[in-house]
Amino acid sequence: MPLDASARGVYPIAPTPFHPDGRIDFDSIDRLTEFYLGCGATGLTVLGVMGEAPKLDHAEGLAVATRFIRRAGNLPVIVGVSAPGFAAMAGLARAGMEAGAAGVMIAPPNTLRTDDQIATYYRQAAEAIGPDVPFVIQDYPLNFSVVMTPGVIRRIVQENANCVMLKHEDWPGLEKISQLRAFEADGAMRRISILCGNGGLFLDFECERGADGAMTGYAFPDMLMDVVRLAQAGERDRAHDLFDAHLPLLRYEQQPGVGLAIRKYVMARRGLIASDAQRKPAGGMSATARAEVEYLLARLARHDPRAAV
């Protein structure tokens, strides 16, 4: 089914598993997808920032997306299609949708500065992929250096009928969520789904501000699913207690430059992927960093047995 504005829950950002020699590890894609299905993911996102998409050529990217899509069955899969030019973006978008994707995610190039530039870019991107392809705005100023105000997000939504979701990764960004939901309540913007990123670092309060869930890649996505479920059920204290137990490890994983290495290390320790290998160029973990992660896992295991890896 095509992605629409009713999407909610958790769409984990899937890493791309590699063998130590840099080859794509398709068996680990299968294992990881089964894990997401088993722990209650409501969707899946591939070829995002943490999916090392820029390190894949077009054929490899499509092969990775297709493998996830086929293994996921009825689980909706969003494919990241951000590219320097619209030809490459449209080609991957069309191929991904033909393979069974539910929609695509588009990040802005780091050259955009004004609201008009941002709105024009997304209008042209929507034209390039076609009106029948649902798309997600990726709002991640810390990574892309493009600042999207609530007003320009509203403009993108209103100008493009196939815009159905915002991946919200502004920081700080809680007030942005509140403003967007206020636009909807006032009838100034149609409703869209809002799923949040940043490794889930602010997910506890993002849900309370009106976010529909998470789209991120913390090494314990099953914890994020529990937090969203508890928050949506009105069990505020239980949601915060679980989130707070994970916060030291989640914070450690958020370090720029080494975050993916840490995430893959923990996912490999959990048995979700066979290797923590990244495709070069890649950052690594020192022996001291690995020891610190093991310490954090041991402390977390006192509160959440899933950390007893």
C-alpha atoms as a PDB file:
ATOM      1  CA  MET A   1       0.000   0.000   0.000  1.00  0.00           C
ATOM      2  CA  PRO A   2       1.308   3.505  -0.768  1.00  0.00           C
ATOM      3  CA  LEU A   3       2.490   5.546   2.189  1.00  0.00           C
ATOM      4  CA  ASP A   4      -0.027   8.085   3.466  1.00  0.00           C
ATOM      5  CA  ALA A   5      -0.461  10.650   6.217  1.00  0.00           C
ATOM      6  CA  SER A   6      -1.905   8.105   8.656  1.00  0.00           C
ATOM      7  CA  ALA A   7       1.471   6.385   9.159  1.00  0.00           C
ATOM      8  CA  ARG A   8       2.492   5.999  12.789  1.00  0.00           C
ATOM      9  CA  GLY A   9       4.618   3.834  15.044  1.00  0.00           C
ATOM     10  CA  VAL A  10       8.293   3.145  14.332  1.00  0.00           C
ATOM     11  CA  TYR A  11       9.994   2.927  10.945  1.00  0.00           C
ATOM     12  CA  PRO A  12      13.550   1.888  11.848  1.00  0.00           C
ATOM     13  CA  ILE A  13      16.305   3.282   9.668  1.00  0.00           C
ATOM     14  CA  ALA A  14      18.002   0.073   8.575  1.00  0.00           C
ATOM     15  CA  PRO A  15      21.783   0.023   8.279  1.00  0.00           C
ATOM     16  CA  THR A  16      23.217  -1.610   5.192  1.00  0.00           C
ATOM     17  CA  PRO A  17      25.099  -4.713   6.377  1.00  0.00           C
ATOM     18  CA  PHE A  18      28.477  -5.372   4.817  1.00  0.00           C
ATOM     19  CA  HIS A  19      30.977  -8.183   4.937  1.00  0.00           C
ATOM     20  CA  PRO A  20      34.439  -7.169   6.215  1.00  0.00           C
ATOM     21  CA  ASP A  21      35.662  -7.016   2.612  1.00  0.00           C
ATOM     22  CA  GLY A  22      32.983  -4.446   1.686  1.00  0.00           C
ATOM     23  CA  ARG A  23      30.529  -6.741  -0.089  1.00  0.00           C
ATOM     24  CA  ILE A  24      26.847  -6.320   0.749  1.00  0.00           C
ATOM     25  CA  ASP A  25      25.717  -8.926   3.279  1.00  0.00           C
ATOM     26  CA  PHE A  26      22.313  -9.983   1.976  1.00  0.00           C
ATOM     27  CA  ASP A  27      21.898 -12.732   4.593  1.00  0.00           C
ATOM     28  CA  SER A  28      22.155 -10.093   7.321  1.00  0.00           C
ATOM     29  CA  ILE A  29      19.550  -7.998   5.484  1.00  0.00           C
ATOM     30  CA  ASP A  30      17.204 -10.973   5.803  1.00  0.00           C
ATOM     31  CA  ARG A  31      18.039 -11.479   9.487  1.00  0.00           C
ATOM     32  CA  LEU A  32      17.639  -7.797  10.293  1.00  0.00           C
ATOM     33  CA  THR A  33      14.306  -7.571   8.503  1.00  0.00           C
ATOM     34  CA  GLU A  34      12.992 -10.594  10.384  1.00  0.00           C
ATOM     35  CA  PHE A  35      13.992  -8.890  13.623  1.00  0.00           C
ATOM     36  CA  TYR A  36      12.106  -5.722  12.691  1.00  0.00           C
ATOM     37  CA  LEU A  37       9.037  -7.763  11.793  1.00  0.00           C
ATOM     38  CA  GLY A  38       9.239  -9.765  14.997  1.00  0.00           C
ATOM     39  CA  CYS A  39       9.488  -6.826  17.378  1.00  0.00           C
ATOM     40  CA  GLY A  40       6.594  -4.846  15.960  1.00  0.00           C
ATOM     41  CA  ALA A  41       7.954  -2.292  13.515  1.00  0.00           C
ATOM     42  CA  THR A  42       5.158  -0.604  11.590  1.00  0.00           C
ATOM     43  CA  GLY A  43       7.420   0.209   8.649  1.00  0.00           C
ATOM     44  CA  LEU A  44      11.028   0.327   7.537  1.00  0.00           C
ATOM     45  CA  THR A  45      13.312   2.892   5.915  1.00  0.00           C
ATOM     46  CA  VAL A  46      16.330   1.940   3.824  1.00  0.00           C
ATOM     47  CA  LEU A  47      19.134   3.883   2.134  1.00  0.00           C
ATOM     48  CA  GLY A  48      18.970   6.681   4.675  1.00  0.00           C
ATOM     49  CA  VAL A  49      21.944   8.584   6.084  1.00  0.00           C
ATOM     50  CA  MET A  50      22.812   5.650   8.346  1.00  0.00           C
ATOM     51  CA  GLY A  51      22.276   3.207   5.487  1.00  0.00           C
ATOM     52  CA  GLU A  52      25.526   4.399   3.849  1.00  0.00           C
ATOM     53  CA  ALA A  53      23.616   5.120   0.648  1.00  0.00           C
ATOM     54  CA  PRO A  54      26.307   7.413  -0.838  1.00  0.00           C
ATOM     55  CA  LYS A  55      28.730   4.466  -0.740  1.00  0.00           C
ATOM     56  CA  LEU A  56      26.500   2.378  -3.020  1.00  0.00           C
ATOM     57  CA  ASP A  57      26.167   2.699  -6.762  1.00  0.00           C
ATOM     58  CA  HIS A  58      22.690   2.732  -8.340  1.00  0.00           C
ATOM     59  CA  ALA A  59      22.547  -1.028  -8.923  1.00  0.00           C
ATOM     60  CA  GLU A  60      23.715  -1.793  -5.395  1.00  0.00           C
ATOM     61  CA  GLY A  61      21.268   0.656  -3.849  1.00  0.00           C
ATOM     62  CA  LEU A  62      18.386  -0.860  -5.760  1.00  0.00           C
ATOM     63  CA  ALA A  63      19.530  -4.377  -4.843  1.00  0.00           C
ATOM     64  CA  VAL A  64      19.629  -3.476  -1.142  1.00  0.00           C
ATOM     65  CA  ALA A  65      16.209  -1.808  -1.278  1.00  0.00           C
ATOM     66  CA  THR A  66      14.672  -4.688  -3.194  1.00  0.00           C
ATOM     67  CA  ARG A  67      16.007  -7.276  -0.769  1.00  0.00           C
ATOM     68  CA  PHE A  68      14.548  -5.410   2.215  1.00  0.00           C
ATOM     69  CA  ILE A  69      11.220  -4.883   0.410  1.00  0.00           C
ATOM     70  CA  ARG A  70      10.811  -8.526  -0.559  1.00  0.00           C
ATOM     71  CA  ARG A  71      11.772  -9.793   2.879  1.00  0.00           C
ATOM     72  CA  ALA A  72       9.493  -7.290   4.624  1.00  0.00           C
ATOM     73  CA  GLY A  73       6.329  -8.682   3.010  1.00  0.00           C
ATOM     74  CA  ASN A  74       3.425  -6.399   3.863  1.00  0.00           C
ATOM     75  CA  LEU A  75       5.541  -4.045   5.980  1.00  0.00           C
ATOM     76  CA  PRO A  76       5.724  -0.656   4.211  1.00  0.00           C
ATOM     77  CA  VAL A  77       9.264   0.264   3.149  1.00  0.00           C
ATOM     78  CA  ILE A  78      10.432   3.812   2.455  1.00  0.00           C
ATOM     79  CA  VAL A  79      13.463   4.173   0.189  1.00  0.00           C
ATOM     80  CA  GLY A  80      15.858   7.093   0.519  1.00  0.00           C
ATOM     81  CA  VAL A  81      16.368   8.558  -2.965  1.00  0.00           C
ATOM     82  CA  SER A  82      18.292  11.748  -2.218  1.00  0.00           C
ATOM     83  CA  ALA A  83      20.757  12.508  -5.005  1.00  0.00           C
ATOM     84  CA  PRO A  84      22.679  15.464  -6.437  1.00  0.00           C
ATOM     85  CA  GLY A  85      20.478  15.494  -9.541  1.00  0.00           C
ATOM     86  CA  PHE A  86      16.843  14.773 -10.271  1.00  0.00           C
ATOM     87  CA  ALA A  87      17.597  12.166 -12.947  1.00  0.00           C
ATOM     88  CA  ALA A  88      19.279   9.841 -10.448  1.00  0.00           C
ATOM     89  CA  MET A  89      16.586  10.573  -7.843  1.00  0.00           C
ATOM     90  CA  ALA A  90      13.743   9.843 -10.255  1.00  0.00           C
ATOM     91  CA  GLY A  91      15.405   6.675 -11.524  1.00  0.00           C
ATOM     92  CA  LEU A  92      15.832   5.195  -8.054  1.00  0.00           C
ATOM     93  CA  ALA A  93      12.358   6.360  -6.999  1.00  0.00           C
ATOM     94  CA  ARG A  94      10.678   4.686  -9.972  1.00  0.00           C
ATOM     95  CA  ALA A  95      12.708   1.508  -9.601  1.00  0.00           C
ATOM     96  CA  GLY A  96      12.031   1.356  -5.867  1.00  0.00           C
ATOM     97  CA  MET A  97       8.300   1.812  -6.317  1.00  0.00           C
ATOM     98  CA  GLU A  98       8.250  -0.861  -9.016  1.00  0.00           C
ATOM     99  CA  ALA A  99      10.003  -3.186  -6.551  1.00  0.00           C
ATOM    100  CA  GLY A 100       7.208  -2.591  -4.031  1.00  0.00           C
ATOM    101  CA  ALA A 101       8.287   0.412  -1.952  1.00  0.00           C
ATOM    102  CA  ALA A 102       5.557   2.377  -0.164  1.00  0.00           C
ATOM    103  CA  GLY A 103       7.208   5.749  -0.739  1.00  0.00           C
ATOM    104  CA  VAL A 104      10.489   7.626  -0.902  1.00  0.00           C
ATOM    105  CA  MET A 105      12.423  10.043   1.299  1.00  0.00           C
ATOM    106  CA  ILE A 106      14.067  13.201  -0.036  1.00  0.00           C
ATOM    107  CA  ALA A 107      16.695  15.270   1.771  1.00  0.00           C
ATOM    108  CA  PRO A 108      17.569  18.800   0.641  1.00  0.00           C
ATOM    109  CA  PRO A 109      20.986  19.588  -0.876  1.00  0.00           C
ATOM    110  CA  ASN A 110      23.176  21.682   1.400  1.00  0.00           C
ATOM    111  CA  THR A 111      23.168  24.608  -1.042  1.00  0.00           C
ATOM    112  CA  LEU A 112      19.638  25.728  -0.154  1.00  0.00           C
ATOM    113  CA  ARG A 113      19.303  28.758   2.107  1.00  0.00           C
ATOM    114  CA  THR A 114      16.056  30.686   1.572  1.00  0.00           C
ATOM    115  CA  ASP A 115      12.484  29.490   1.983  1.00  0.00           C
ATOM    116  CA  ASP A 116      11.878  30.062  -1.727  1.00  0.00           C
ATOM    117  CA  GLN A 117      14.879  27.927  -2.649  1.00  0.00           C
ATOM    118  CA  ILE A 118      13.731  25.112  -0.369  1.00  0.00           C
ATOM    119  CA  ALA A 119      10.127  25.187  -1.583  1.00  0.00           C
ATOM    120  CA  THR A 120      11.219  25.321  -5.230  1.00  0.00           C
ATOM    121  CA  TYR A 121      13.560  22.372  -4.753  1.00  0.00           C
ATOM    122  CA  TYR A 122      10.837  20.175  -3.281  1.00  0.00           C
ATOM    123  CA  ARG A 123       8.354  21.213  -5.953  1.00  0.00           C
ATOM    124  CA  GLN A 124      10.825  20.220  -8.653  1.00  0.00           C
ATOM    125  CA  ALA A 125      11.708  16.989  -6.840  1.00  0.00           C
ATOM    126  CA  ALA A 126       8.024  16.082  -6.573  1.00  0.00           C
ATOM    127  CA  GLU A 127       7.634  16.698 -10.306  1.00  0.00           C
ATOM    128  CA  ALA A 128      10.701  14.565 -11.046  1.00  0.00           C
ATOM    129  CA  ILE A 129       9.540  11.493  -9.129  1.00  0.00           C
ATOM    130  CA  GLY A 130       5.940  11.855 -10.298  1.00  0.00           C
ATOM    131  CA  PRO A 131       2.682  12.752  -8.534  1.00  0.00           C
ATOM    132  CA  ASP A 132       1.862   9.111  -7.787  1.00  0.00           C
ATOM    133  CA  VAL A 133       4.973   8.610  -5.608  1.00  0.00           C
ATOM    134  CA  PRO A 134       4.403   9.543  -1.928  1.00  0.00           C
ATOM    135  CA  PHE A 135       7.388  11.305  -0.426  1.00  0.00           C
ATOM    136  CA  VAL A 136       8.858  12.183   2.963  1.00  0.00           C
ATOM    137  CA  ILE A 137      10.604  15.479   3.733  1.00  0.00           C
ATOM    138  CA  GLN A 138      13.844  14.827   5.612  1.00  0.00           C
ATOM    139  CA  ASP A 139      14.413  17.814   7.878  1.00  0.00           C
ATOM    140  CA  TYR A 140      17.896  17.305   9.333  1.00  0.00           C
ATOM    141  CA  PRO A 141      19.663  20.685   9.584  1.00  0.00           C
ATOM    142  CA  LEU A 142      22.506  19.356  11.736  1.00  0.00           C
ATOM    143  CA  ASN A 143      23.585  17.128   8.853  1.00  0.00           C
ATOM    144  CA  PHE A 144      22.415  18.984   5.737  1.00  0.00           C
ATOM    145  CA  SER A 145      22.837  22.583   7.031  1.00  0.00           C
ATOM    146  CA  VAL A 146      19.419  23.493   5.602  1.00  0.00           C
ATOM    147  CA  VAL A 147      17.065  25.164   8.081  1.00  0.00           C
ATOM    148  CA  MET A 148      13.385  24.527   7.406  1.00  0.00           C
ATOM    149  CA  THR A 149      10.994  26.734   9.338  1.00  0.00           C
ATOM    150  CA  PRO A 150       7.502  25.483  10.153  1.00  0.00           C
ATOM    151  CA  GLY A 151       6.277  27.949   7.537  1.00  0.00           C
ATOM    152  CA  VAL A 152       8.330  26.483   4.705  1.00  0.00           C
ATOM    153  CA  ILE A 153       7.363  22.947   5.704  1.00  0.00           C
ATOM    154  CA  ARG A 154       3.715  24.022   5.539  1.00  0.00           C
ATOM    155  CA  ARG A 155       4.373  25.497   2.102  1.00  0.00           C
ATOM    156  CA  ILE A 156       5.940  22.258   0.837  1.00  0.00           C
ATOM    157  CA  VAL A 157       3.014  20.236   2.159  1.00  0.00           C
ATOM    158  CA  GLN A 158       0.414  22.553   0.664  1.00  0.00           C
ATOM    159  CA  GLU A 159       2.123  22.761  -2.735  1.00  0.00           C
ATOM    160  CA  ASN A 160       2.758  19.014  -3.166  1.00  0.00           C
ATOM    161  CA  ALA A 161      -0.132  16.607  -2.747  1.00  0.00           C
ATOM    162  CA  ASN A 162       2.217  13.619  -2.672  1.00  0.00           C
ATOM    163  CA  CYS A 163       4.059  14.931   0.418  1.00  0.00           C
ATOM    164  CA  VAL A 164       2.664  12.746   3.212  1.00  0.00           C
ATOM    165  CA  MET A 165       5.294  12.702   5.968  1.00  0.00           C
ATOM    166  CA  LEU A 166       7.949  14.748   7.717  1.00  0.00           C
ATOM    167  CA  LYS A 167      11.034  13.059   9.100  1.00  0.00           C
ATOM    168  CA  HIS A 168      11.694  15.535  11.881  1.00  0.00           C
ATOM    169  CA  GLU A 169      15.329  15.773  12.973  1.00  0.00           C
ATOM    170  CA  ASP A 170      15.687  19.383  13.990  1.00  0.00           C
ATOM    171  CA  TRP A 171      17.455  19.992  17.276  1.00  0.00           C
ATOM    172  CA  PRO A 172      15.997  21.610  19.253  1.00  0.00           C
ATOM    173  CA  GLY A 173      12.743  20.875  17.494  1.00  0.00           C
ATOM    174  CA  LEU A 174       9.946  20.299  19.981  1.00  0.00           C
ATOM    175  CA  GLU A 175       8.400  23.696  19.301  1.00  0.00           C
ATOM    176  CA  LYS A 176       8.452  22.956  15.569  1.00  0.00           C
ATOM    177  CA  ILE A 177       6.255  19.890  16.124  1.00  0.00           C
ATOM    178  CA  SER A 178       3.838  21.950  18.211  1.00  0.00           C
ATOM    179  CA  GLN A 179       3.681  24.667  15.537  1.00  0.00           C
ATOM    180  CA  LEU A 180       3.009  22.195  12.732  1.00  0.00           C
ATOM    181  CA  ARG A 181       0.216  20.539  14.688  1.00  0.00           C
ATOM    182  CA  ALA A 182      -1.195  24.008  15.424  1.00  0.00           C
ATOM    183  CA  PHE A 183      -1.248  24.732  11.674  1.00  0.00           C
ATOM    184  CA  GLU A 184      -3.260  21.553  11.191  1.00  0.00           C
ATOM    185  CA  ALA A 185      -5.659  22.388  14.025  1.00  0.00           C
ATOM    186  CA  ASP A 186      -6.269  25.835  12.513  1.00  0.00           C
ATOM    187  CA  GLY A 187      -6.886  24.400   9.063  1.00  0.00           C
ATOM    188  CA  ALA A 188      -3.794  26.149   7.685  1.00  0.00           C
ATOM    189  CA  MET A 189      -2.122  22.882   6.687  1.00  0.00           C
ATOM    190  CA  ARG A 190      -3.439  19.436   5.881  1.00  0.00           C
ATOM    191  CA  ARG A 191      -2.383  16.684   8.233  1.00  0.00           C
ATOM    192  CA  ILE A 192       0.834  14.799   7.621  1.00  0.00           C
ATOM    193  CA  SER A 193       2.561  12.057   9.542  1.00  0.00           C
ATOM    194  CA  ILE A 194       5.497  13.200  11.679  1.00  0.00           C
ATOM    195  CA  LEU A 195       8.137  10.621  12.576  1.00  0.00           C
ATOM    196  CA  CYS A 196      11.244  11.729  14.467  1.00  0.00           C
ATOM    197  CA  GLY A 197      14.934  10.955  14.140  1.00  0.00           C
ATOM    198  CA  ASN A 198      18.116  11.991  15.968  1.00  0.00           C
ATOM    199  CA  GLY A 199      18.539   8.437  17.209  1.00  0.00           C
ATOM    200  CA  GLY A 200      15.404   8.910  19.300  1.00  0.00           C
ATOM    201  CA  LEU A 201      17.225  11.376  21.562  1.00  0.00           C
ATOM    202  CA  PHE A 202      14.085  13.438  22.235  1.00  0.00           C
ATOM    203  CA  LEU A 203      11.457  10.823  21.462  1.00  0.00           C
ATOM    204  CA  ASP A 204       9.954  10.850  24.943  1.00  0.00           C
ATOM    205  CA  PHE A 205       8.703  14.418  24.572  1.00  0.00           C
ATOM    206  CA  GLU A 206       8.326  14.376  20.786  1.00  0.00           C
ATOM    207  CA  CYS A 207       5.468  11.896  21.121  1.00  0.00           C
ATOM    208  CA  GLU A 208       3.818  14.161  23.676  1.00  0.00           C
ATOM    209  CA  ARG A 209       4.142  17.132  21.306  1.00  0.00           C
ATOM    210  CA  GLY A 210       2.212  15.317  18.591  1.00  0.00           C
ATOM    211  CA  ALA A 211       4.740  13.187  16.728  1.00  0.00           C
ATOM    212  CA  ASP A 212       3.330   9.913  15.406  1.00  0.00           C
ATOM    213  CA  GLY A 213       6.432   7.917  16.278  1.00  0.00           C
ATOM    214  CA  ALA A 214      10.034   7.492  15.227  1.00  0.00           C
ATOM    215  CA  MET A 215      12.068   6.962  12.089  1.00  0.00           C
ATOM    216  CA  THR A 216      15.586   6.428  13.319  1.00  0.00           C
ATOM    217  CA  GLY A 217      18.224   3.790  13.834  1.00  0.00           C
ATOM    218  CA  TYR A 218      19.207   3.389  17.471  1.00  0.00           C
ATOM    219  CA  ALA A 219      20.709  -0.051  18.153  1.00  0.00           C
ATOM    220  CA  PHE A 220      17.611  -0.961  20.196  1.00  0.00           C
ATOM    221  CA  PRO A 221      14.748  -0.065  17.847  1.00  0.00           C
ATOM    222  CA  ASP A 222      12.581  -2.438  19.868  1.00  0.00           C
ATOM    223  CA  MET A 223      12.936  -0.028  22.798  1.00  0.00           C
ATOM    224  CA  LEU A 224      11.775   2.847  20.596  1.00  0.00           C
ATOM    225  CA  MET A 225       8.732   0.793  19.633  1.00  0.00           C
ATOM    226  CA  ASP A 226       7.923   0.197  23.296  1.00  0.00           C
ATOM    227  CA  VAL A 227       8.278   3.899  24.143  1.00  0.00           C
ATOM    228  CA  VAL A 228       5.974   4.938  21.293  1.00  0.00           C
ATOM    229  CA  ARG A 229       3.431   2.271  22.212  1.00  0.00           C
ATOM    230  CA  LEU A 230       3.435   3.297  25.878  1.00  0.00           C
ATOM    231  CA  ALA A 231       3.200   6.988  25.018  1.00  0.00           C
ATOM    232  CA  GLN A 232       0.283   6.426  22.673  1.00  0.00           C
ATOM    233  CA  ALA A 233      -1.442   4.358  25.378  1.00  0.00           C
ATOM    234  CA  GLY A 234      -1.102   7.246  27.843  1.00  0.00           C
ATOM    235  CA  GLU A 235       1.395   5.418  30.079  1.00  0.00           C
ATOM    236  CA  ARG A 236       3.664   8.412  30.426  1.00  0.00           C
ATOM    237  CA  ASP A 237       5.764   7.343  33.407  1.00  0.00           C
ATOM    238  CA  ARG A 238       6.438   3.863  32.015  1.00  0.00           C
ATOM    239  CA  ALA A 239       7.470   5.358  28.692  1.00  0.00           C
ATOM    240  CA  HIS A 240       9.867   7.799  30.355  1.00  0.00           C
ATOM    241  CA  ASP A 241      11.287   5.164  32.714  1.00  0.00           C
ATOM    242  CA  LEU A 242      12.193   2.867  29.833  1.00  0.00           C
ATOM    243  CA  PHE A 243      13.561   5.740  27.759  1.00  0.00           C
ATOM    244  CA  ASP A 244      15.628   7.065  30.660  1.00  0.00           C
ATOM    245  CA  ALA A 245      17.271   3.662  31.175  1.00  0.00           C
ATOM    246  CA  HIS A 246      18.530   3.724  27.571  1.00  0.00           C
ATOM    247  CA  LEU A 247      19.505   7.387  27.490  1.00  0.00           C
ATOM    248  CA  PRO A 248      23.228   6.992  28.377  1.00  0.00           C
ATOM    249  CA  LEU A 249      23.799   4.506  25.545  1.00  0.00           C
ATOM    250  CA  LEU A 250      21.575   6.433  23.161  1.00  0.00           C
ATOM    251  CA  ARG A 251      23.540   9.616  23.899  1.00  0.00           C
ATOM    252  CA  TYR A 252      26.855   7.810  23.395  1.00  0.00           C
ATOM    253  CA  GLU A 253      25.672   6.542  20.026  1.00  0.00           C
ATOM    254  CA  GLN A 254      24.868  10.089  18.915  1.00  0.00           C
ATOM    255  CA  GLN A 255      28.519  11.123  18.619  1.00  0.00           C
ATOM    256  CA  PRO A 256      29.194  12.586  15.161  1.00  0.00           C
ATOM    257  CA  GLY A 257      31.588  10.573  13.075  1.00  0.00           C
ATOM    258  CA  VAL A 258      31.484   7.383  15.129  1.00  0.00           C
ATOM    259  CA  GLY A 259      27.749   6.958  15.699  1.00  0.00           C
ATOM    260  CA  LEU A 260      27.273   4.421  12.928  1.00  0.00           C
ATOM    261  CA  ALA A 261      30.286   2.407  14.086  1.00  0.00           C
ATOM    262  CA  ILE A 262      28.807   2.233  17.589  1.00  0.00           C
ATOM    263  CA  ARG A 263      25.359   1.321  16.306  1.00  0.00           C
ATOM    264  CA  LYS A 264      26.665  -1.445  14.073  1.00  0.00           C
ATOM    265  CA  TYR A 265      28.893  -2.739  16.858  1.00  0.00           C
ATOM    266  CA  VAL A 266      25.943  -3.114  19.222  1.00  0.00           C
ATOM    267  CA  MET A 267      23.699  -4.593  16.531  1.00  0.00           C
ATOM    268  CA  ALA A 268      26.375  -7.166  15.754  1.00  0.00           C
ATOM    269  CA  ARG A 269      26.705  -7.932  19.483  1.00  0.00           C
ATOM    270  CA  ARG A 270      22.937  -8.468  19.535  1.00  0.00           C
ATOM    271  CA  GLY A 271      23.223 -10.894  16.616  1.00  0.00           C
ATOM    272  CA  LEU A 272      21.152  -8.740  14.267  1.00  0.00           C
ATOM    273  CA  ILE A 273      23.928  -8.448  11.686  1.00  0.00           C
ATOM    274  CA  ALA A 274      26.952 -10.662  11.173  1.00  0.00           C
ATOM    275  CA  SER A 275      29.564  -7.910  11.161  1.00  0.00           C
ATOM    276  CA  ASP A 276      29.883  -4.299  12.239  1.00  0.00           C
ATOM    277  CA  ALA A 277      31.785  -3.544   9.010  1.00  0.00           C
ATOM    278  CA  GLN A 278      31.219  -0.270   7.200  1.00  0.00           C
ATOM    279  CA  ARG A 279      32.119   0.398   3.611  1.00  0.00           C
ATOM    280  CA  LYS A 280      35.053   2.779   3.259  1.00  0.00           C
ATOM    281  CA  PRO A 281      35.494   5.629   3.890  1.00  0.00           C
ATOM    282  CA  ALA A 282      34.473   4.762   7.420  1.00  0.00           C
ATOM    283  CA  GLY A 283      35.054   5.757  11.011  1.00  0.00           C
ATOM    284  CA  GLY A 284      35.984   3.134  13.545  1.00  0.00           C
ATOM    285  CA  MET A 285      35.929   2.474  17.284  1.00  0.00           C
ATOM    286  CA  SER A 286      38.994   2.356  19.479  1.00  0.00           C
ATOM    287  CA  ALA A 287      39.468  -0.371  22.066  1.00  0.00           C
ATOM    288  CA  THR A 288      38.607   2.209  24.723  1.00  0.00           C
ATOM    289  CA  ALA A 289      35.354   3.086  22.983  1.00  0.00           C
ATOM    290  CA  ARG A 290      34.378  -0.569  22.729  1.00  0.00           C
ATOM    291  CA  ALA A 291      35.055  -1.013  26.444  1.00  0.00           C
ATOM    292  CA  GLU A 292      32.881   2.012  27.219  1.00  0.00           C
ATOM    293  CA  VAL A 293      30.025   0.617  25.127  1.00  0.00           C
ATOM    294  CA  GLU A 294      30.320  -2.735  26.906  1.00  0.00           C
ATOM    295  CA  TYR A 295      30.135  -0.908  30.231  1.00  0.00           C
ATOM    296  CA  LEU A 296      27.016   0.958  29.133  1.00  0.00           C
ATOM    297  CA  LEU A 297      25.414  -2.280  27.921  1.00  0.00           C
ATOM    298  CA  ALA A 298      26.123  -3.967  31.255  1.00  0.00           C
ATOM    299  CA  ARG A 299      24.548  -1.089  33.158  1.00  0.00           C
ATOM    300  CA  LEU A 300      21.543  -1.036  30.829  1.00  0.00           C
ATOM    301  CA  ALA A 301      21.024  -4.780  31.259  1.00  0.00           C
ATOM    302  CA  ARG A 302      20.119  -4.141  34.911  1.00  0.00           C
ATOM    303  CA  HIS A 303      16.960  -2.432  33.655  1.00  0.00           C
ATOM    304  CA  ASP A 304      16.376  -4.007  30.237  1.00  0.00           C
ATOM    305  CA  PRO A 305      17.386  -7.648  29.675  1.00  0.00           C
ATOM    306  CA  ARG A 306      17.654  -7.036  25.937  1.00  0.00           C
ATOM    307  CA  ALA A 307      21.011  -5.389  26.645  1.00  0.00           C
ATOM    308  CA  ALA A 308      22.499  -8.582  28.109  1.00  0.00           C
ATOM    309  CA  VAL A 309      24.283  -9.411  24.848  1.00  0.00           C
END
